[in-house]
Amino acid sequence: MESTFAYVAEDVVYALHFDEELAPFAGVAHGREAMKAAFYELIKAFDYLEYEPVIMDVQGAIVRVQTRHRYLHRRTGEEIAGTFRTIFTVRDGLIVRCEEYVDRGKVEAFMRLTRQREAENDIVLPPEIPKRIAKTGAGRPLQVSSKMPDEEDCE
């Protein structure tokens, strides 16, 4: 994510337009570090299952993007999908303003649902990572060899 913020002005204004009482990444953030903090809060809360931005229009310093997305709320396992629009303002090759417009009613209802489920401790545990060594074939451990098979070894 750090490389992304190399293209963001120090005094950027970032706005995610829905009720900031419902999520720590919503509302308006002033400055690169505040925008970065909002993004980190977002990726802490959600897994990105699908994220497909498409530039819709460029007029001078204004870039309009429509993004199709599907996110998984990590603590509840709930999914939200749809599209949102982003309007970037660029100056001297850096983003100076970024405004994201979501389906406010849908997102706010989703965030209230996840907040309620968390309050009731209706959460999902993260998947367990296997603690055994992966095996291949008929139970044989995976082996790496630098020897290349010749045609006689092929069936």
Protein backbone atom coordinates (compact mmCIF):
# COMPACT_ATOMS: atom_id res chain seq x y z
CA MET A 1 0.00 0.00 0.00
CA GLU A 2 2.93 2.33 0.61
CA SER A 3 3.70 2.53 -3.12
CA THR A 4 0.12 3.66 -3.78
CA PHE A 5 0.50 6.57 -1.38
CA ALA A 6 3.58 7.80 -3.26
CA TYR A 7 0.99 9.28 -5.68
CA VAL A 8 -0.99 11.04 -2.96
CA ALA A 9 -0.29 14.66 -1.97
CA GLU A 10 0.68 15.37 1.62
CA ASP A 11 -2.37 17.64 2.03
CA VAL A 12 -4.90 15.33 0.30
CA VAL A 13 -8.56 15.39 1.27
CA TYR A 14 -10.21 11.96 1.29
CA ALA A 15 -13.96 11.56 1.70
CA LEU A 16 -15.93 8.33 1.95
CA HIS A 17 -19.52 9.53 1.89
CA PHE A 18 -21.49 7.65 4.51
CA ASP A 19 -22.17 8.04 8.24
CA GLU A 20 -18.80 8.17 9.98
CA GLU A 21 -20.40 6.97 13.22
CA LEU A 22 -20.79 3.54 11.59
CA ALA A 23 -17.16 2.91 10.58
CA PRO A 24 -13.74 4.34 11.44
CA PHE A 25 -12.87 4.66 7.73
CA ALA A 26 -15.95 6.73 6.77
CA GLY A 27 -16.20 10.50 6.65
CA VAL A 28 -13.53 13.02 5.71
CA ALA A 29 -9.80 12.60 6.32
CA HIS A 30 -7.33 15.46 5.90
CA GLY A 31 -3.76 14.62 4.94
CA ARG A 32 -1.92 11.59 3.56
CA GLU A 33 -1.42 9.92 6.95
CA ALA A 34 -5.13 10.27 7.82
CA MET A 35 -6.12 8.84 4.43
CA LYS A 36 -3.66 5.98 4.89
CA ALA A 37 -5.10 5.29 8.37
CA ALA A 38 -8.62 5.13 6.89
CA PHE A 39 -7.45 2.65 4.23
CA TYR A 40 -5.75 0.48 6.85
CA GLU A 41 -8.97 0.45 8.90
CA LEU A 42 -10.86 -0.64 5.80
CA ILE A 43 -8.53 -3.53 5.00
CA LYS A 44 -8.49 -4.52 8.67
CA ALA A 45 -12.27 -4.93 8.56
CA PHE A 46 -12.73 -6.43 5.07
CA ASP A 47 -11.22 -8.98 2.72
CA TYR A 48 -11.39 -7.84 -0.89
CA LEU A 49 -12.98 -10.69 -2.85
CA GLU A 50 -13.49 -8.61 -5.97
CA TYR A 51 -12.27 -5.13 -6.85
CA GLU A 52 -12.55 -3.98 -10.47
CA PRO A 53 -12.05 -0.24 -11.08
CA VAL A 54 -12.78 1.22 -14.52
CA ILE A 55 -11.86 4.77 -15.51
CA MET A 56 -15.06 6.28 -16.84
CA ASP A 57 -13.92 9.79 -17.71
CA VAL A 58 -10.93 12.12 -17.56
CA GLN A 59 -11.42 15.86 -17.92
CA GLY A 60 -8.37 17.93 -17.12
CA ALA A 61 -7.45 17.31 -13.48
CA ILE A 62 -10.61 15.29 -12.74
CA VAL A 63 -10.67 11.48 -13.07
CA ARG A 64 -13.92 9.55 -12.58
CA VAL A 65 -13.78 5.84 -11.75
CA GLN A 66 -16.50 3.27 -11.24
CA THR A 67 -15.51 0.22 -9.18
CA ARG A 68 -17.32 -3.08 -8.94
CA HIS A 69 -16.57 -4.71 -5.60
CA ARG A 70 -17.35 -7.64 -3.34
CA TYR A 71 -16.04 -7.49 0.22
CA LEU A 72 -16.16 -9.97 3.08
CA HIS A 73 -16.56 -8.53 6.57
CA ARG A 74 -13.92 -10.49 8.46
CA ARG A 75 -15.56 -10.68 11.89
CA THR A 76 -19.08 -11.63 10.81
CA GLY A 77 -18.52 -13.39 7.50
CA GLU A 78 -21.13 -11.14 5.84
CA GLU A 79 -20.56 -10.08 2.23
CA ILE A 80 -21.41 -6.81 0.57
CA ALA A 81 -21.19 -6.27 -3.17
CA GLY A 82 -22.04 -3.56 -5.64
CA THR A 83 -20.45 -0.56 -7.27
CA PHE A 84 -19.18 2.77 -6.06
CA ARG A 85 -17.82 5.84 -7.78
CA THR A 86 -14.63 7.73 -7.05
CA ILE A 87 -13.73 11.21 -8.20
CA PHE A 88 -10.03 12.02 -8.08
CA THR A 89 -8.57 15.50 -8.43
CA VAL A 90 -4.94 15.44 -9.58
CA ARG A 91 -2.40 18.26 -9.39
CA ASP A 92 1.26 17.98 -10.45
CA GLY A 93 0.87 14.20 -10.81
CA LEU A 94 -0.44 13.73 -7.25
CA ILE A 95 -3.95 13.04 -5.95
CA VAL A 96 -5.06 16.09 -3.98
CA ARG A 97 -8.69 15.04 -3.47
CA CYS A 98 -10.41 11.65 -3.49
CA GLU A 99 -14.15 11.36 -2.97
CA GLU A 100 -15.90 7.99 -2.88
CA TYR A 101 -19.65 7.72 -3.35
CA VAL A 102 -21.28 4.47 -2.26
CA ASP A 103 -24.90 3.33 -2.11
CA ARG A 104 -25.25 5.07 1.23
CA GLY A 105 -28.45 3.34 2.37
CA LYS A 106 -27.11 -0.11 1.53
CA VAL A 107 -23.69 0.46 3.12
CA GLU A 108 -25.12 2.04 6.26
CA ALA A 109 -27.62 -0.82 6.71
CA PHE A 110 -24.79 -3.33 6.19
CA MET A 111 -22.57 -1.60 8.75
CA ARG A 112 -25.44 -1.51 11.29
CA LEU A 113 -26.00 -5.25 10.72
CA THR A 114 -22.32 -6.08 11.27
CA ARG A 115 -22.18 -3.84 14.33
CA GLN A 116 -25.25 -5.61 15.79
CA ARG A 117 -23.79 -9.06 15.11
CA GLU A 118 -20.51 -8.08 16.73
CA ALA A 119 -22.36 -6.71 19.78
CA GLU A 120 -24.17 -10.04 20.12
CA ASN A 121 -20.86 -11.87 19.68
CA ASP A 122 -22.29 -13.46 16.54
CA ILE A 123 -18.92 -13.62 14.83
CA VAL A 124 -17.06 -16.17 12.77
CA LEU A 125 -13.64 -17.44 13.64
CA PRO A 126 -10.91 -17.10 11.05
CA PRO A 127 -10.08 -20.34 9.25
CA GLU A 128 -7.43 -22.47 10.90
CA ILE A 129 -4.19 -22.75 9.02
CA PRO A 130 -3.12 -26.39 8.68
CA LYS A 131 -0.11 -27.27 10.80
CA ARG A 132 0.98 -30.27 8.78
CA ILE A 133 3.27 -30.45 5.80
CA ALA A 134 1.51 -30.59 2.46
CA LYS A 135 1.76 -33.95 0.74
CA THR A 136 1.48 -34.97 -2.88
CA GLY A 137 0.46 -38.17 -4.57
CA ALA A 138 -0.16 -41.20 -2.37
CA GLY A 139 0.88 -39.61 0.90
CA ARG A 140 4.45 -38.89 -0.19
CA PRO A 141 6.00 -35.59 0.96
CA LEU A 142 6.61 -32.99 -1.73
CA GLN A 143 10.19 -33.19 -2.99
CA VAL A 144 12.07 -30.67 -5.08
CA SER A 145 14.74 -31.87 -7.48
CA SER A 146 17.00 -30.02 -9.84
CA LYS A 147 17.22 -33.11 -12.07
CA MET A 148 15.23 -32.67 -15.25
CA PRO A 149 13.50 -35.80 -16.57
CA ASP A 150 14.56 -36.99 -19.99
CA GLU A 151 12.28 -38.54 -22.59
CA GLU A 152 12.83 -42.03 -21.17
CA ASP A 153 11.24 -40.92 -17.87
CA CYS A 154 8.10 -39.75 -19.66
CA GLU A 155 5.15 -42.05 -20.24
